Amino acid sequence: MKILQPPGWAPPRGYVNGVAATGTTVFVAGQIGWNAQCQWETDDLVAQVRQALLNVRAVLAEGGALPEHIARMTWYLTDKREYLARAREIGAVYRETIGSYSVAMTAVQVAGLIEDRAKVEIEVTAVVS
């Protein structure tokens, strides 16, 4: 994958502006912080992020992809302030489960998610060369 960084732009923190990739595309539907049996183990945002990212990894594996194949992520969050307040913890969980920040990423606050206990939903597009 090639990172797209226009000349003269300040580098973003925690993501990249764009990625160019060629290969087999793997689309991962929005994953939330429940376990493989669709059961909630926590209402803590950071723990839900960890589980959602582990769920992303499991779906990627089914498509023959690894975290390093992720080109794009979209995060839907129910509480922007909590996300920002816990950004360091979330960053640590991200590095632990996914690794690199070489991903085009968008995060938006939403009024709610379909599953009432969900605090985050993460969808991914990966490209396997």
Protein backbone atom coordinates (compact mmCIF):
# COMPACT_ATOMS: atom_id res chain seq x y z
CA MET A 1 0.00 0.00 0.00
CA LYS A 2 1.09 3.52 -0.71
CA ILE A 3 0.39 6.26 1.83
CA LEU A 4 -1.02 9.42 0.23
CA GLN A 5 0.30 12.60 1.86
CA PRO A 6 -0.02 15.77 -0.24
CA PRO A 7 3.13 17.93 -0.22
CA GLY A 8 3.08 20.70 2.35
CA TRP A 9 0.27 19.16 4.42
CA ALA A 10 0.88 18.67 8.13
CA PRO A 11 0.92 14.95 8.90
CA PRO A 12 -2.21 13.77 10.70
CA ARG A 13 -1.99 12.12 14.13
CA GLY A 14 -3.37 8.61 14.47
CA TYR A 15 -4.22 8.01 10.81
CA VAL A 16 -3.12 8.85 7.25
CA ASN A 17 -4.89 11.08 4.72
CA GLY A 18 -5.17 8.37 2.11
CA VAL A 19 -3.97 4.98 0.94
CA ALA A 20 -3.60 3.54 -2.58
CA ALA A 21 -3.71 -0.24 -2.85
CA THR A 22 -4.11 -2.99 -5.44
CA GLY A 23 -5.33 -6.52 -4.77
CA THR A 24 -8.25 -8.48 -3.35
CA THR A 25 -10.57 -6.25 -1.36
CA VAL A 26 -12.02 -7.49 1.93
CA PHE A 27 -14.97 -5.54 3.35
CA VAL A 28 -15.66 -5.96 7.06
CA ALA A 29 -19.11 -4.95 8.25
CA GLY A 30 -19.38 -2.76 11.33
CA GLN A 31 -18.12 -4.66 14.36
CA ILE A 32 -19.19 -3.82 17.88
CA GLY A 33 -17.81 -4.72 21.29
CA TRP A 34 -19.65 -7.95 21.97
CA ASN A 35 -18.09 -11.40 21.88
CA ALA A 36 -18.42 -14.14 19.23
CA GLN A 37 -21.70 -15.30 20.81
CA CYS A 38 -23.16 -11.74 20.51
CA GLN A 39 -23.00 -11.34 24.29
CA TRP A 40 -21.89 -8.23 26.13
CA GLU A 41 -19.07 -8.57 28.64
CA THR A 42 -18.62 -4.84 29.39
CA ASP A 43 -20.04 -1.37 28.99
CA ASP A 44 -16.57 0.23 29.16
CA LEU A 45 -15.64 2.10 25.96
CA VAL A 46 -11.99 1.00 25.85
CA ALA A 47 -12.90 -2.64 26.46
CA GLN A 48 -15.56 -2.42 23.73
CA VAL A 49 -12.99 -0.95 21.34
CA ARG A 50 -10.63 -3.84 22.11
CA GLN A 51 -13.35 -6.43 21.46
CA ALA A 52 -14.56 -4.68 18.30
CA LEU A 53 -10.99 -4.65 16.94
CA LEU A 54 -10.56 -8.33 17.83
CA ASN A 55 -13.81 -9.00 15.96
CA VAL A 56 -12.43 -7.08 12.97
CA ARG A 57 -9.29 -9.24 13.06
CA ALA A 58 -11.38 -12.43 13.12
CA VAL A 59 -13.41 -11.38 10.07
CA LEU A 60 -10.26 -10.27 8.24
CA ALA A 61 -8.72 -13.69 8.86
CA GLU A 62 -11.73 -15.35 7.24
CA GLY A 63 -10.98 -13.29 4.13
CA GLY A 64 -7.29 -14.17 4.16
CA ALA A 65 -6.33 -10.71 5.42
CA LEU A 66 -4.25 -9.45 8.32
CA PRO A 67 -4.38 -6.11 10.16
CA GLU A 68 -1.56 -4.78 7.98
CA HIS A 69 -3.88 -5.14 4.96
CA ILE A 70 -6.34 -2.59 6.38
CA ALA A 71 -6.58 0.41 4.08
CA ARG A 72 -9.57 2.21 5.60
CA MET A 73 -11.49 2.29 8.88
CA THR A 74 -14.64 4.11 9.91
CA TRP A 75 -15.45 4.45 13.61
CA TYR A 76 -18.94 5.31 14.80
CA LEU A 77 -18.97 6.52 18.40
CA THR A 78 -21.84 7.41 20.69
CA ASP A 79 -19.79 9.81 22.84
CA LYS A 80 -17.10 11.97 21.27
CA ARG A 81 -16.05 13.45 24.61
CA GLU A 82 -15.41 10.04 26.17
CA TYR A 83 -13.47 8.98 23.07
CA LEU A 84 -11.26 12.08 23.27
CA ALA A 85 -10.82 11.78 27.05
CA ARG A 86 -9.68 8.17 26.68
CA ALA A 87 -7.71 8.58 23.45
CA ARG A 88 -4.42 7.38 24.97
CA GLU A 89 -6.01 4.18 26.25
CA ILE A 90 -7.77 3.62 22.93
CA GLY A 91 -4.51 4.24 21.07
CA ALA A 92 -2.76 1.63 23.20
CA VAL A 93 -5.52 -0.91 22.49
CA TYR A 94 -5.34 -0.09 18.78
CA ARG A 95 -1.57 -0.61 18.66
CA GLU A 96 -1.93 -3.86 20.63
CA THR A 97 -4.61 -5.33 18.35
CA ILE A 98 -4.02 -3.71 14.94
CA GLY A 99 -0.53 -2.25 15.04
CA SER A 100 0.24 0.51 12.55
CA TYR A 101 -1.58 3.79 12.09
CA SER A 102 -1.01 3.62 8.30
CA VAL A 103 -4.76 3.57 7.75
CA ALA A 104 -7.12 6.13 6.23
CA MET A 105 -9.50 6.63 9.15
CA THR A 106 -12.72 8.48 9.86
CA ALA A 107 -14.42 8.80 13.24
CA VAL A 108 -17.88 10.27 13.71
CA GLN A 109 -20.22 10.70 16.64
CA VAL A 110 -23.67 9.23 16.11
CA ALA A 111 -26.89 9.62 18.08
CA GLY A 112 -26.96 5.88 18.70
CA LEU A 113 -26.13 2.46 17.33
CA ILE A 114 -28.58 -0.36 16.61
CA GLU A 115 -27.39 -2.33 19.66
CA ASP A 116 -28.25 -0.13 22.65
CA ARG A 117 -25.19 -1.14 24.73
CA ALA A 118 -22.74 -0.51 21.88
CA LYS A 119 -20.52 2.53 22.36
CA VAL A 120 -18.48 2.00 19.19
CA GLU A 121 -18.87 0.32 15.82
CA ILE A 122 -15.89 -0.11 13.50
CA GLU A 123 -16.01 -1.01 9.80
CA VAL A 124 -12.95 -1.82 7.72
CA THR A 125 -11.82 -2.18 4.15
CA ALA A 126 -8.65 -4.21 3.61
CA VAL A 127 -6.69 -4.95 0.45
CA VAL A 128 -4.63 -8.13 0.18
CA SER A 129 -1.89 -7.76 -2.45
